Amino acid sequence: MKAFDRMRNASKLTKVRWLIVYCTDIILLFPLLGYLGFYLSWQAGGPVLKVLAGCALLLTFNVLSTRPFRIAVRGGPRPTAILAVTGAIVLVLLTVFSQVWAIPTWMALLAPFVRLRAAVVLSAASIVLANLYMWWDGGWDIALLVAVQALFTVVSVGAVRANLALWRLTREAHEGEEALARLAVSEERLRFARDLNDLLGQSLSDVAVRTEHAEHTLPADREAAAAEMFEVRDLARRSLREVRTVVQNYRAVDLDEVLASVRAVLEAADVRCTVRAETGSLTPETRTLLATVVREGATNVLKHSRAERCTITIEDGVLEMSNDGVSGPVGEHAPNGLAGLAQRVRAAGGTLEAEPTHEGRYLLRAAVPA
């Protein structure tokens, strides 16, 4: 059960990594054909101890062969010890037991840690040397053996290198999305900072100049200095109103744009999103507040759930945003991150609730006077 919860709660990037790793493990199962060879040898009257020793060596190789690709995916150093031990096992299987099935897999284990040209040269050399030895040992159809081993080697080495390249591209794409999100936030902050600088720069300069002038005027003409200070007061009040206007406009968010953006982001994250919204009759304040709730709800879906479907409905000032990302019983989930937003909604005369339902969904509901 814990393993199932761990798989369900894993991030999408982790799930992709697991998929690539386990698919590669399947490709590396070609040495299992060696067990068939040992079984046929036992049926033909071969020594039981020799057959058991060969099976033990092959089993050890199978277990160790799952490690190098995982190390390569994590970006770790070349596992020289594992490659050396598995290489020695392959050599024993070939010379003592006449088993060639582990050779393509061993070349695949080596492939992530060498250049492409080296992988090609080593693979070709392994095919030639192994088949020369089998030809010298006798009793094999060399043409068929060359064709089969070449096919297995190409598939194993090519698949391992392709899967490793696919994982690196996936990780780079994920990191690129995170970088774009951080860049968008930084650009918005810079824009707001520029607006404040343009607004307050001239006003504060005027305040400083008028205050200095009043200071110099005060000893000679107290009335003129007082009038100058009244001008400073009016200028400060006007600047404060302008700052509040800029902040209010900065906070104003277009609800329809947010709905379209949230839907695109969720679907890009493999969350099927359905939107049914009636926003035409809502006031600008209500539209801004609901847009903030939608944006926060989408953030929670992406960060705190493993949802596959999300539904957003807006009708008569009531927003309902539900998803199927609940992984535990009702009562275990708290609306983290929504406390401040709930205060804003209550200040506007509305209500905000966020909790799991008995149907196995998580419901975010905000009711704001329309």
Protein backbone atom coordinates (compact mmCIF):
# COMPACT_ATOMS: atom_id res chain seq x y z
CA MET A 1 0.00 0.00 0.00
CA LYS A 2 2.84 2.38 0.83
CA ALA A 3 4.49 1.55 -2.48
CA PHE A 4 1.22 2.35 -4.29
CA ASP A 5 0.88 5.67 -2.44
CA ARG A 6 4.51 6.48 -3.23
CA MET A 7 3.91 5.84 -6.92
CA ARG A 8 0.69 7.87 -6.92
CA ASN A 9 2.22 10.82 -5.07
CA ALA A 10 5.40 10.93 -7.15
CA SER A 11 5.94 13.88 -9.45
CA LYS A 12 5.38 13.50 -13.17
CA LEU A 13 9.11 13.85 -13.81
CA THR A 14 9.78 10.98 -11.39
CA LYS A 15 7.15 8.84 -13.10
CA VAL A 16 8.79 9.48 -16.48
CA ARG A 17 12.15 8.49 -15.01
CA TRP A 18 10.67 5.26 -13.64
CA LEU A 19 9.07 4.49 -17.01
CA ILE A 20 12.35 4.98 -18.88
CA VAL A 21 14.35 2.94 -16.35
CA TYR A 22 11.93 0.00 -16.26
CA CYS A 23 11.62 -0.08 -20.06
CA THR A 24 15.40 -0.25 -20.22
CA ASP A 25 15.38 -3.13 -17.71
CA ILE A 26 13.10 -5.06 -20.07
CA ILE A 27 15.53 -4.48 -22.93
CA LEU A 28 18.36 -5.83 -20.77
CA LEU A 29 16.59 -9.17 -20.25
CA PHE A 30 18.14 -10.82 -23.31
CA PRO A 31 20.50 -12.90 -21.09
CA LEU A 32 17.44 -14.81 -19.88
CA LEU A 33 17.91 -16.92 -23.02
CA GLY A 34 20.96 -18.33 -21.25
CA TYR A 35 18.69 -20.16 -18.78
CA LEU A 36 17.14 -21.98 -21.70
CA GLY A 37 20.62 -23.05 -22.76
CA PHE A 38 21.40 -24.35 -19.28
CA TYR A 39 18.10 -26.23 -19.19
CA LEU A 40 18.83 -27.90 -22.53
CA SER A 41 22.32 -28.77 -21.29
CA TRP A 42 20.82 -30.39 -18.17
CA GLN A 43 18.31 -32.30 -20.30
CA ALA A 44 21.17 -33.57 -22.47
CA GLY A 45 22.85 -35.03 -19.40
CA GLY A 46 25.27 -32.23 -18.56
CA PRO A 47 26.84 -32.04 -15.08
CA VAL A 48 24.29 -30.71 -12.58
CA LEU A 49 26.85 -28.75 -10.59
CA LYS A 50 28.13 -27.04 -13.71
CA VAL A 51 24.59 -26.12 -14.77
CA LEU A 52 23.82 -24.74 -11.30
CA ALA A 53 27.06 -22.77 -11.22
CA GLY A 54 26.25 -21.28 -14.63
CA CYS A 55 22.74 -20.34 -13.51
CA ALA A 56 24.15 -18.69 -10.39
CA LEU A 57 26.62 -16.66 -12.44
CA LEU A 58 23.89 -15.62 -14.89
CA LEU A 59 21.57 -14.63 -12.03
CA THR A 60 24.33 -12.49 -10.51
CA PHE A 61 24.82 -10.84 -13.89
CA ASN A 62 21.06 -10.18 -14.21
CA VAL A 63 20.93 -8.47 -10.82
CA LEU A 64 24.04 -6.34 -11.37
CA SER A 65 22.95 -5.33 -14.90
CA THR A 66 20.11 -3.20 -13.49
CA ARG A 67 22.49 -0.78 -11.74
CA PRO A 68 24.63 1.00 -14.39
CA PHE A 69 21.73 2.60 -16.28
CA ARG A 70 20.21 3.92 -13.04
CA ILE A 71 23.58 5.43 -12.16
CA ALA A 72 23.78 7.04 -15.59
CA VAL A 73 20.26 8.51 -15.20
CA ARG A 74 21.26 10.06 -11.87
CA GLY A 75 24.39 11.50 -13.50
CA GLY A 76 26.74 9.45 -11.34
CA PRO A 77 30.31 8.41 -12.20
CA ARG A 78 31.13 5.32 -14.21
CA PRO A 79 30.53 2.21 -12.04
CA THR A 80 33.89 0.64 -12.81
CA ALA A 81 33.55 -2.12 -10.21
CA ILE A 82 30.15 -3.26 -11.50
CA LEU A 83 31.32 -3.18 -15.12
CA ALA A 84 34.45 -5.14 -14.23
CA VAL A 85 32.57 -7.83 -12.30
CA THR A 86 29.88 -8.23 -14.97
CA GLY A 87 32.57 -8.29 -17.67
CA ALA A 88 34.36 -11.11 -15.86
CA ILE A 89 31.08 -13.02 -15.57
CA VAL A 90 30.45 -12.59 -19.30
CA LEU A 91 33.93 -13.92 -20.06
CA VAL A 92 33.36 -16.99 -17.84
CA LEU A 93 29.94 -17.63 -19.38
CA LEU A 94 31.48 -17.52 -22.85
CA THR A 95 34.60 -19.62 -22.28
CA VAL A 96 33.31 -22.15 -19.75
CA PHE A 97 29.63 -22.46 -20.58
CA SER A 98 29.62 -21.35 -24.26
CA GLN A 99 26.97 -18.72 -23.49
CA VAL A 100 26.94 -15.61 -25.70
CA TRP A 101 23.61 -14.07 -24.63
CA ALA A 102 25.07 -11.83 -21.95
CA ILE A 103 27.54 -10.11 -24.29
CA PRO A 104 25.05 -7.69 -25.95
CA THR A 105 23.71 -6.71 -22.53
CA TRP A 106 27.19 -6.04 -21.18
CA MET A 107 27.87 -3.77 -24.15
CA ALA A 108 24.63 -1.95 -23.31
CA LEU A 109 25.81 -1.51 -19.71
CA LEU A 110 28.99 0.09 -20.97
CA ALA A 111 27.30 2.29 -23.61
CA PRO A 112 26.15 5.21 -21.36
CA PHE A 113 29.70 5.80 -20.11
CA VAL A 114 31.62 5.89 -23.41
CA ARG A 115 31.41 7.93 -26.58
CA LEU A 116 29.19 6.77 -29.42
CA ARG A 117 32.18 5.90 -31.63
CA ALA A 118 33.72 3.83 -28.85
CA ALA A 119 30.40 2.04 -28.26
CA VAL A 120 30.14 1.15 -31.96
CA VAL A 121 33.75 -0.09 -32.16
CA LEU A 122 33.48 -2.15 -28.97
CA SER A 123 30.15 -3.65 -30.05
CA ALA A 124 31.56 -4.69 -33.43
CA ALA A 125 34.67 -6.13 -31.76
CA SER A 126 32.55 -8.13 -29.29
CA ILE A 127 30.53 -9.64 -32.14
CA VAL A 128 33.67 -10.62 -34.10
CA LEU A 129 35.62 -12.00 -31.14
CA ALA A 130 32.71 -13.92 -29.61
CA ASN A 131 31.83 -15.57 -32.89
CA LEU A 132 35.45 -16.40 -33.69
CA TYR A 133 35.66 -18.17 -30.35
CA MET A 134 32.36 -20.01 -30.95
CA TRP A 135 33.56 -21.00 -34.45
CA TRP A 136 36.78 -22.33 -32.96
CA ASP A 137 34.83 -24.14 -30.22
CA GLY A 138 32.65 -25.71 -32.92
CA GLY A 139 29.10 -27.02 -32.96
CA TRP A 140 27.36 -23.74 -33.83
CA ASP A 141 25.73 -22.30 -36.93
CA ILE A 142 28.03 -19.29 -37.14
CA ALA A 143 25.98 -17.37 -39.72
CA LEU A 144 22.85 -17.56 -37.58
CA LEU A 145 24.80 -16.79 -34.42
CA VAL A 146 26.37 -13.67 -35.98
CA ALA A 147 22.99 -12.41 -37.17
CA VAL A 148 21.27 -12.96 -33.82
CA GLN A 149 24.07 -11.50 -31.74
CA ALA A 150 24.41 -8.49 -34.04
CA LEU A 151 20.67 -7.87 -33.78
CA PHE A 152 20.66 -8.14 -30.00
CA THR A 153 23.73 -5.90 -29.70
CA VAL A 154 22.29 -3.16 -31.92
CA VAL A 155 18.94 -3.23 -30.12
CA SER A 156 20.46 -3.26 -26.63
CA VAL A 157 23.11 -0.58 -27.15
CA GLY A 158 20.86 1.61 -29.30
CA ALA A 159 17.92 1.41 -26.90
CA VAL A 160 20.02 2.22 -23.85
CA ARG A 161 21.61 5.26 -25.47
CA ALA A 162 18.25 6.42 -26.87
CA ASN A 163 16.52 6.07 -23.50
CA LEU A 164 19.30 7.96 -21.76
CA ALA A 165 19.04 10.77 -24.34
CA LEU A 166 15.24 10.80 -23.89
CA TRP A 167 15.62 11.17 -20.11
CA ARG A 168 18.08 14.04 -20.49
CA LEU A 169 15.76 15.86 -22.91
CA THR A 170 12.82 15.35 -20.54
CA ARG A 171 14.78 16.72 -17.59
CA GLU A 172 15.98 19.72 -19.62
CA ALA A 173 12.42 20.45 -20.73
CA HIS A 174 11.20 20.29 -17.13
CA GLU A 175 13.97 22.60 -15.96
CA GLY A 176 13.18 24.94 -18.86
CA GLU A 177 9.53 25.20 -17.79
CA GLU A 178 10.56 26.04 -14.24
CA ALA A 179 13.03 28.64 -15.51
CA LEU A 180 10.35 30.25 -17.69
CA ALA A 181 7.98 30.46 -14.72
CA ARG A 182 10.66 32.09 -12.56
CA LEU A 183 11.52 34.49 -15.41
CA ALA A 184 7.88 35.51 -15.80
CA VAL A 185 7.64 36.30 -12.08
CA SER A 186 10.90 38.28 -12.20
CA GLU A 187 9.77 40.27 -15.23
CA GLU A 188 6.48 41.14 -13.53
CA ARG A 189 8.31 42.31 -10.43
CA LEU A 190 10.66 44.43 -12.54
CA ARG A 191 7.72 45.97 -14.37
CA PHE A 192 6.02 46.87 -11.12
CA ALA A 193 9.29 48.27 -9.74
CA ARG A 194 9.71 50.44 -12.86
CA ASP A 195 6.16 51.75 -12.52
CA LEU A 196 6.73 52.70 -8.90
CA ASN A 197 10.07 54.29 -9.73
CA ASP A 198 8.55 56.37 -12.53
CA LEU A 199 5.65 57.39 -10.31
CA LEU A 200 7.51 58.20 -7.09
CA GLY A 201 10.79 59.45 -8.49
CA GLN A 202 9.53 62.86 -9.62
CA SER A 203 7.09 63.22 -6.69
CA LEU A 204 9.73 62.55 -4.04
CA SER A 205 12.16 64.87 -5.80
CA ASP A 206 9.55 67.65 -5.71
CA VAL A 207 8.89 66.96 -2.02
CA ALA A 208 12.60 67.18 -1.24
CA VAL A 209 13.04 70.43 -3.18
CA ARG A 210 9.97 72.11 -1.66
CA THR A 211 10.95 71.03 1.85
CA GLU A 212 14.43 72.42 1.41
CA HIS A 213 12.99 75.67 0.09
CA ALA A 214 10.65 75.91 3.09
CA GLU A 215 13.60 75.35 5.40
CA HIS A 216 15.51 78.26 3.89
CA THR A 217 12.40 80.47 3.86
CA LEU A 218 11.37 79.77 7.45
CA PRO A 219 13.77 82.27 9.24
CA ALA A 220 12.72 85.20 7.02
CA ASP A 221 9.05 84.46 6.20
CA ARG A 222 7.20 81.98 8.36
CA GLU A 223 3.94 82.36 6.42
CA ALA A 224 5.62 81.61 3.09
CA ALA A 225 7.33 78.59 4.65
CA ALA A 226 3.99 77.36 6.02
CA ALA A 227 2.37 77.75 2.60
CA GLU A 228 5.24 75.81 1.08
CA MET A 229 4.72 73.01 3.57
CA PHE A 230 1.01 72.91 2.77
CA GLU A 231 2.04 72.39 -0.85
CA VAL A 232 4.32 69.56 0.25
CA ARG A 233 1.42 67.96 2.16
CA ASP A 234 -0.87 68.15 -0.88
CA LEU A 235 1.87 66.74 -3.10
CA ALA A 236 2.43 63.83 -0.70
CA ARG A 237 -1.29 63.04 -0.57
CA ARG A 238 -1.54 63.14 -4.34
CA SER A 239 1.44 60.81 -4.65
CA LEU A 240 -0.16 58.42 -2.15
CA ARG A 241 -3.36 58.31 -4.22
CA GLU A 242 -1.36 57.61 -7.35
CA VAL A 243 0.52 54.78 -5.64
CA ARG A 244 -2.73 53.22 -4.46
CA THR A 245 -4.15 53.47 -7.98
CA VAL A 246 -1.10 51.76 -9.45
CA VAL A 247 -1.23 48.97 -6.85
CA GLN A 248 -4.96 48.48 -7.43
CA ASN A 249 -4.44 48.25 -11.19
CA TYR A 250 -1.52 45.90 -10.62
CA ARG A 251 -3.73 43.61 -8.57
CA ALA A 252 -6.58 43.74 -11.08
CA VAL A 253 -6.58 40.49 -13.02
CA ASP A 254 -8.66 39.56 -16.04
CA LEU A 255 -10.72 36.52 -15.04
CA ASP A 256 -11.18 35.19 -18.57
CA GLU A 257 -7.44 35.38 -19.24
CA VAL A 258 -6.69 33.59 -15.99
CA LEU A 259 -9.19 30.82 -16.80
CA ALA A 260 -7.65 30.31 -20.25
CA SER A 261 -4.12 30.38 -18.81
CA VAL A 262 -4.95 27.95 -15.99
CA ARG A 263 -6.59 25.55 -18.40
CA ALA A 264 -3.56 25.60 -20.71
CA VAL A 265 -1.14 25.08 -17.80
CA LEU A 266 -3.13 22.19 -16.32
CA GLU A 267 -3.51 20.43 -19.65
CA ALA A 268 0.22 20.88 -20.29
CA ALA A 269 0.73 19.05 -16.99
CA ASP A 270 -1.51 16.17 -18.21
CA VAL A 271 -4.52 17.31 -16.16
CA ARG A 272 -7.71 17.31 -18.22
CA CYS A 273 -9.44 20.61 -17.45
CA THR A 274 -13.07 21.54 -18.11
CA VAL A 275 -14.17 25.18 -17.72
CA ARG A 276 -17.78 26.39 -17.57
CA ALA A 277 -17.86 30.04 -16.54
CA GLU A 278 -20.44 32.83 -16.70
CA THR A 279 -18.42 35.97 -16.04
CA GLY A 280 -20.23 38.68 -17.99
CA SER A 281 -22.33 39.99 -15.08
CA LEU A 282 -19.54 40.08 -12.48
CA THR A 283 -18.12 43.34 -11.17
CA PRO A 284 -14.42 44.11 -11.73
CA GLU A 285 -13.70 43.56 -8.03
CA THR A 286 -15.43 40.17 -8.06
CA ARG A 287 -13.68 39.13 -11.28
CA THR A 288 -10.29 40.03 -9.77
CA LEU A 289 -11.00 38.15 -6.55
CA LEU A 290 -12.25 35.00 -8.33
CA ALA A 291 -9.25 35.13 -10.69
CA THR A 292 -6.97 35.11 -7.65
CA VAL A 293 -8.82 32.10 -6.22
CA VAL A 294 -8.60 30.23 -9.54
CA ARG A 295 -4.89 30.90 -9.78
CA GLU A 296 -4.27 29.73 -6.22
CA GLY A 297 -6.42 26.64 -6.79
CA ALA A 298 -4.47 25.72 -9.92
CA THR A 299 -1.20 26.12 -8.02
CA ASN A 300 -2.47 23.71 -5.35
CA VAL A 301 -3.53 21.19 -8.00
CA LEU A 302 -0.06 21.21 -9.54
CA LYS A 303 1.94 21.23 -6.30
CA HIS A 304 -0.13 19.30 -3.78
CA SER A 305 -2.09 16.70 -5.74
CA ARG A 306 -1.73 14.09 -8.45
CA ALA A 307 -4.92 15.01 -10.22
CA GLU A 308 -5.83 13.73 -13.67
CA ARG A 309 -9.04 15.75 -14.09
CA CYS A 310 -10.08 19.22 -12.96
CA THR A 311 -13.40 21.03 -13.36
CA ILE A 312 -13.91 24.80 -12.95
CA THR A 313 -17.41 26.31 -12.86
CA ILE A 314 -18.47 29.90 -12.19
CA GLU A 315 -22.14 30.83 -11.86
CA ASP A 316 -23.73 33.82 -10.08
CA GLY A 317 -20.47 34.70 -8.35
CA VAL A 318 -19.93 31.16 -7.05
CA LEU A 319 -16.70 29.44 -8.08
CA GLU A 320 -16.29 25.69 -7.71
CA MET A 321 -12.96 24.09 -8.61
CA SER A 322 -12.70 20.34 -8.09
CA ASN A 323 -10.10 17.70 -8.95
CA ASP A 324 -9.61 13.96 -8.45
CA GLY A 325 -6.20 14.30 -6.78
CA VAL A 326 -7.27 13.17 -3.29
CA SER A 327 -5.09 10.21 -2.22
CA GLY A 328 -6.29 9.73 1.37
CA PRO A 329 -9.49 9.64 3.39
CA VAL A 330 -11.60 12.72 4.04
CA GLY A 331 -10.27 14.83 6.88
CA GLU A 332 -6.54 14.37 6.20
CA HIS A 333 -6.26 17.35 3.86
CA ALA A 334 -6.10 20.93 5.04
CA PRO A 335 -6.48 23.97 2.78
CA ASN A 336 -2.85 25.02 3.12
CA GLY A 337 -1.93 28.27 1.43
CA LEU A 338 -5.55 29.46 1.30
CA ALA A 339 -5.76 31.16 4.70
CA GLY A 340 -4.81 34.62 3.45
CA LEU A 341 -7.04 34.24 0.41
CA ALA A 342 -9.95 33.22 2.63
CA GLN A 343 -9.52 36.45 4.62
CA ARG A 344 -9.70 38.51 1.42
CA VAL A 345 -12.84 36.69 0.34
CA ARG A 346 -14.48 37.21 3.75
CA ALA A 347 -13.52 40.90 3.66
CA ALA A 348 -15.45 41.16 0.40
CA GLY A 349 -18.51 39.59 2.05
CA GLY A 350 -18.00 36.10 0.65
CA THR A 351 -16.96 32.66 1.81
CA LEU A 352 -14.21 30.25 0.82
CA GLU A 353 -14.10 26.51 1.56
CA ALA A 354 -11.57 23.87 0.53
CA GLU A 355 -11.89 20.22 1.55
CA PRO A 356 -12.11 16.67 0.16
CA THR A 357 -15.51 15.21 -0.63
CA HIS A 358 -16.84 11.74 0.06
CA GLU A 359 -16.86 11.11 -3.70
CA GLY A 360 -13.04 11.15 -3.73
CA ARG A 361 -12.57 14.68 -5.10
CA TYR A 362 -11.09 17.86 -3.68
CA LEU A 363 -13.43 20.86 -3.85
CA LEU A 364 -12.44 24.53 -3.65
CA ARG A 365 -15.58 26.70 -3.39
CA ALA A 366 -15.61 30.50 -3.26
CA ALA A 367 -18.88 32.47 -3.10
CA VAL A 368 -18.56 36.22 -3.68
CA PRO A 369 -21.47 38.68 -3.93
CA ALA A 370 -22.08 39.21 -7.62
